Each structure stands twice: as C-alpha cells, then as structure tokens.
Amino acid sequence: MSPDKANKHLDTVLNLVGRMVDIAEHGVMDDSADNGFYLLYGLILDNARKIRIAAEKEYALRDLKMPDKFLAKTK
C-alpha cells in the first residue's frame, strides 16, 4: 500500500478513535443517574485505546509520521 493511502486509512481510524472517546466522555457526563451505561462507556474507551495503540504501531512499522492533530496534547 502506498504511504499516502496508508496515511489516509490510519487517519480515518484515528478519527474514529477520537469519536469513540467523545461519545464515552459525553455519555458519562450526561448519564450520571444511570450507572448501567458506565460499563458500556468503559468498554468503548478501552477499545478506543487499543485501536489507537494498533494504529500507532502501523505508523511506526511503515515509517510514517502521525499527523500533529492526532498527537496527545499535554497541559
């Protein structure tokens, strides 16, 4: 696969990961009265983390640079 195509696919995956995190974080804030959803949000966050790690490995294996927008922001 060409580097441009690989970057496009990996960027799509990382966009999905970001969306998963957003869904889980907003869900926890919005559904504080219904603890049943905490397990679901936890699963979403855990799997988002696993997917991100796999994507980071793919970037490294293909000697590609991860776009700045996906890099962790430090406070």
N, C-alpha and C. Protein backbone atom coordinates (compact mmCIF):
# COMPACT_ATOMS: atom_id res chain seq x y z
N MET A 1 0.85 -1.17 0.00
CA MET A 1 0.00 0.00 0.00
C MET A 1 0.90 1.23 0.00
N SER A 2 0.52 2.20 -0.77
CA SER A 2 1.32 3.43 -0.86
C SER A 2 1.26 4.19 0.47
N PRO A 3 2.29 4.96 0.78
CA PRO A 3 2.27 5.74 2.03
C PRO A 3 1.08 6.70 2.12
N ASP A 4 0.70 7.32 1.01
CA ASP A 4 -0.45 8.23 1.03
C ASP A 4 -1.74 7.49 1.38
N LYS A 5 -1.90 6.32 0.79
CA LYS A 5 -3.11 5.53 1.06
C LYS A 5 -3.11 5.02 2.50
N ALA A 6 -1.94 4.59 2.98
CA ALA A 6 -1.83 4.12 4.37
C ALA A 6 -2.16 5.26 5.33
N ASN A 7 -1.61 6.44 5.07
CA ASN A 7 -1.91 7.60 5.92
C ASN A 7 -3.40 7.89 5.94
N LYS A 8 -4.04 7.82 4.79
CA LYS A 8 -5.47 8.10 4.71
C LYS A 8 -6.26 7.10 5.56
N HIS A 9 -5.92 5.83 5.46
CA HIS A 9 -6.62 4.81 6.24
C HIS A 9 -6.37 4.99 7.74
N LEU A 10 -5.12 5.23 8.09
CA LEU A 10 -4.79 5.41 9.51
C LEU A 10 -5.43 6.68 10.07
N ASP A 11 -5.49 7.73 9.29
CA ASP A 11 -6.16 8.96 9.73
C ASP A 11 -7.64 8.69 9.99
N THR A 12 -8.26 7.91 9.12
CA THR A 12 -9.67 7.56 9.31
C THR A 12 -9.87 6.79 10.60
N VAL A 13 -8.96 5.86 10.87
CA VAL A 13 -9.03 5.07 12.10
C VAL A 13 -8.89 5.98 13.32
N LEU A 14 -7.94 6.89 13.28
CA LEU A 14 -7.73 7.78 14.43
C LEU A 14 -8.89 8.76 14.59
N ASN A 15 -9.52 9.15 13.51
CA ASN A 15 -10.74 9.96 13.63
C ASN A 15 -11.84 9.18 14.34
N LEU A 16 -11.96 7.90 14.00
CA LEU A 16 -12.95 7.04 14.66
C LEU A 16 -12.64 6.91 16.15
N VAL A 17 -11.37 6.73 16.49
CA VAL A 17 -10.97 6.63 17.89
C VAL A 17 -11.36 7.91 18.64
N GLY A 18 -11.10 9.06 18.03
CA GLY A 18 -11.47 10.31 18.66
C GLY A 18 -12.97 10.42 18.89
N ARG A 19 -13.73 9.96 17.93
CA ARG A 19 -15.20 9.97 18.06
C ARG A 19 -15.65 9.03 19.18
N MET A 20 -15.02 7.86 19.27
CA MET A 20 -15.35 6.91 20.33
C MET A 20 -15.11 7.53 21.70
N VAL A 21 -13.99 8.19 21.86
CA VAL A 21 -13.66 8.83 23.14
C VAL A 21 -14.67 9.92 23.46
N ASP A 22 -15.02 10.72 22.46
CA ASP A 22 -16.01 11.78 22.67
C ASP A 22 -17.35 11.22 23.12
N ILE A 23 -17.79 10.16 22.47
CA ILE A 23 -19.07 9.53 22.82
C ILE A 23 -19.05 9.06 24.27
N ALA A 24 -17.99 8.37 24.65
CA ALA A 24 -17.89 7.83 26.01
C ALA A 24 -17.81 8.95 27.05
N GLU A 25 -16.99 9.95 26.79
CA GLU A 25 -16.86 11.04 27.76
C GLU A 25 -18.15 11.82 27.93
N HIS A 26 -18.83 12.12 26.82
CA HIS A 26 -20.10 12.83 26.92
C HIS A 26 -21.17 11.96 27.57
N GLY A 27 -21.14 10.67 27.29
CA GLY A 27 -22.11 9.76 27.88
C GLY A 27 -21.98 9.69 29.38
N VAL A 28 -20.76 9.65 29.88
CA VAL A 28 -20.54 9.59 31.32
C VAL A 28 -21.07 10.87 31.98
N MET A 29 -20.83 12.00 31.35
CA MET A 29 -21.31 13.28 31.92
C MET A 29 -22.83 13.39 31.86
N ASP A 30 -23.44 12.91 30.78
CA ASP A 30 -24.87 13.06 30.59
C ASP A 30 -25.70 12.03 31.35
N ASP A 31 -25.15 10.86 31.59
CA ASP A 31 -25.91 9.76 32.18
C ASP A 31 -25.47 9.43 33.59
N SER A 32 -25.19 10.43 34.39
CA SER A 32 -24.69 10.17 35.74
C SER A 32 -25.71 9.46 36.63
N ALA A 33 -26.99 9.52 36.27
CA ALA A 33 -28.02 8.87 37.07
C ALA A 33 -28.19 7.40 36.71
N ASP A 34 -27.67 6.96 35.57
CA ASP A 34 -27.86 5.57 35.11
C ASP A 34 -26.50 4.88 35.04
N ASN A 35 -26.13 4.22 36.12
CA ASN A 35 -24.82 3.57 36.20
C ASN A 35 -24.66 2.40 35.24
N GLY A 36 -25.74 1.89 34.68
CA GLY A 36 -25.66 0.76 33.77
C GLY A 36 -24.85 1.06 32.51
N PHE A 37 -24.81 2.32 32.12
CA PHE A 37 -24.08 2.68 30.93
C PHE A 37 -22.59 2.82 31.16
N TYR A 38 -22.15 2.92 32.42
CA TYR A 38 -20.72 3.08 32.70
C TYR A 38 -19.91 1.92 32.13
N LEU A 39 -20.43 0.72 32.21
CA LEU A 39 -19.72 -0.44 31.64
C LEU A 39 -19.56 -0.26 30.14
N LEU A 40 -20.61 0.16 29.47
CA LEU A 40 -20.56 0.38 28.03
C LEU A 40 -19.53 1.45 27.69
N TYR A 41 -19.56 2.57 28.41
CA TYR A 41 -18.61 3.65 28.14
C TYR A 41 -17.18 3.20 28.42
N GLY A 42 -17.01 2.40 29.46
CA GLY A 42 -15.68 1.87 29.76
C GLY A 42 -15.16 0.97 28.66
N LEU A 43 -16.04 0.14 28.11
CA LEU A 43 -15.64 -0.73 27.00
C LEU A 43 -15.26 0.09 25.77
N ILE A 44 -16.04 1.14 25.51
CA ILE A 44 -15.73 2.00 24.37
C ILE A 44 -14.37 2.64 24.54
N LEU A 45 -14.09 3.19 25.74
CA LEU A 45 -12.80 3.84 25.98
C LEU A 45 -11.65 2.84 25.90
N ASP A 46 -11.83 1.66 26.48
CA ASP A 46 -10.78 0.66 26.46
C ASP A 46 -10.45 0.23 25.03
N ASN A 47 -11.47 0.00 24.24
CA ASN A 47 -11.24 -0.42 22.86
C ASN A 47 -10.69 0.71 22.00
N ALA A 48 -11.09 1.94 22.28
CA ALA A 48 -10.52 3.09 21.57
C ALA A 48 -9.02 3.15 21.83
N ARG A 49 -8.62 2.92 23.08
CA ARG A 49 -7.20 2.92 23.43
C ARG A 49 -6.45 1.82 22.69
N LYS A 50 -7.02 0.63 22.65
CA LYS A 50 -6.39 -0.49 21.95
C LYS A 50 -6.25 -0.22 20.45
N ILE A 51 -7.28 0.36 19.87
CA ILE A 51 -7.24 0.68 18.44
C ILE A 51 -6.18 1.74 18.16
N ARG A 52 -6.11 2.75 19.03
CA ARG A 52 -5.10 3.79 18.85
C ARG A 52 -3.69 3.21 18.93
N ILE A 53 -3.45 2.33 19.89
CA ILE A 53 -2.13 1.71 20.02
C ILE A 53 -1.79 0.93 18.75
N ALA A 54 -2.77 0.20 18.21
CA ALA A 54 -2.54 -0.56 16.98
C ALA A 54 -2.23 0.39 15.81
N ALA A 55 -2.94 1.50 15.74
CA ALA A 55 -2.69 2.47 14.66
C ALA A 55 -1.30 3.09 14.81
N GLU A 56 -0.91 3.41 16.04
CA GLU A 56 0.43 3.96 16.28
C GLU A 56 1.51 2.98 15.83
N LYS A 57 1.28 1.70 16.08
CA LYS A 57 2.24 0.67 15.64
C LYS A 57 2.32 0.62 14.12
N GLU A 58 1.18 0.76 13.46
CA GLU A 58 1.18 0.76 12.00
C GLU A 58 1.94 1.95 11.44
N TYR A 59 1.76 3.11 12.05
CA TYR A 59 2.53 4.28 11.62
C TYR A 59 4.03 3.98 11.75
N ALA A 60 4.43 3.42 12.88
CA ALA A 60 5.85 3.13 13.12
C ALA A 60 6.38 2.06 12.17
N LEU A 61 5.62 1.00 11.96
CA LEU A 61 6.05 -0.08 11.07
C LEU A 61 6.25 0.40 9.64
N ARG A 62 5.43 1.35 9.25
CA ARG A 62 5.50 1.87 7.87
C ARG A 62 6.38 3.12 7.77
N ASP A 63 7.01 3.48 8.89
CA ASP A 63 7.90 4.65 8.96
C ASP A 63 7.16 5.91 8.49
N LEU A 64 5.92 6.06 8.98
CA LEU A 64 5.10 7.22 8.65
C LEU A 64 5.01 8.13 9.86
N LYS A 65 4.82 9.40 9.62
CA LYS A 65 4.67 10.37 10.70
C LYS A 65 3.19 10.55 11.00
N MET A 66 2.85 10.42 12.29
CA MET A 66 1.47 10.64 12.69
C MET A 66 1.17 12.14 12.59
N PRO A 67 0.05 12.52 11.98
CA PRO A 67 -0.29 13.95 11.88
C PRO A 67 -0.40 14.60 13.26
N ASP A 68 0.01 15.85 13.34
CA ASP A 68 0.02 16.58 14.61
C ASP A 68 -1.33 16.60 15.30
N LYS A 69 -2.41 16.63 14.52
CA LYS A 69 -3.74 16.71 15.15
C LYS A 69 -4.08 15.47 15.97
N PHE A 70 -3.36 14.37 15.75
CA PHE A 70 -3.62 13.14 16.49
C PHE A 70 -2.64 12.92 17.64
N LEU A 71 -1.66 13.76 17.75
CA LEU A 71 -0.70 13.63 18.83
C LEU A 71 -1.34 14.06 20.15
N ALA A 72 -0.97 13.40 21.22
CA ALA A 72 -1.53 13.73 22.53
C ALA A 72 -1.12 15.15 22.91
N LYS A 73 -2.09 15.89 23.39
CA LYS A 73 -1.83 17.25 23.84
C LYS A 73 -1.46 17.24 25.31
N THR A 74 -0.38 17.89 25.66
CA THR A 74 0.00 17.97 27.07
C THR A 74 -0.46 19.30 27.63
N LYS A 75 -0.83 19.29 28.89
CA LYS A 75 -1.35 20.50 29.53
C LYS A 75 -0.25 21.21 30.29
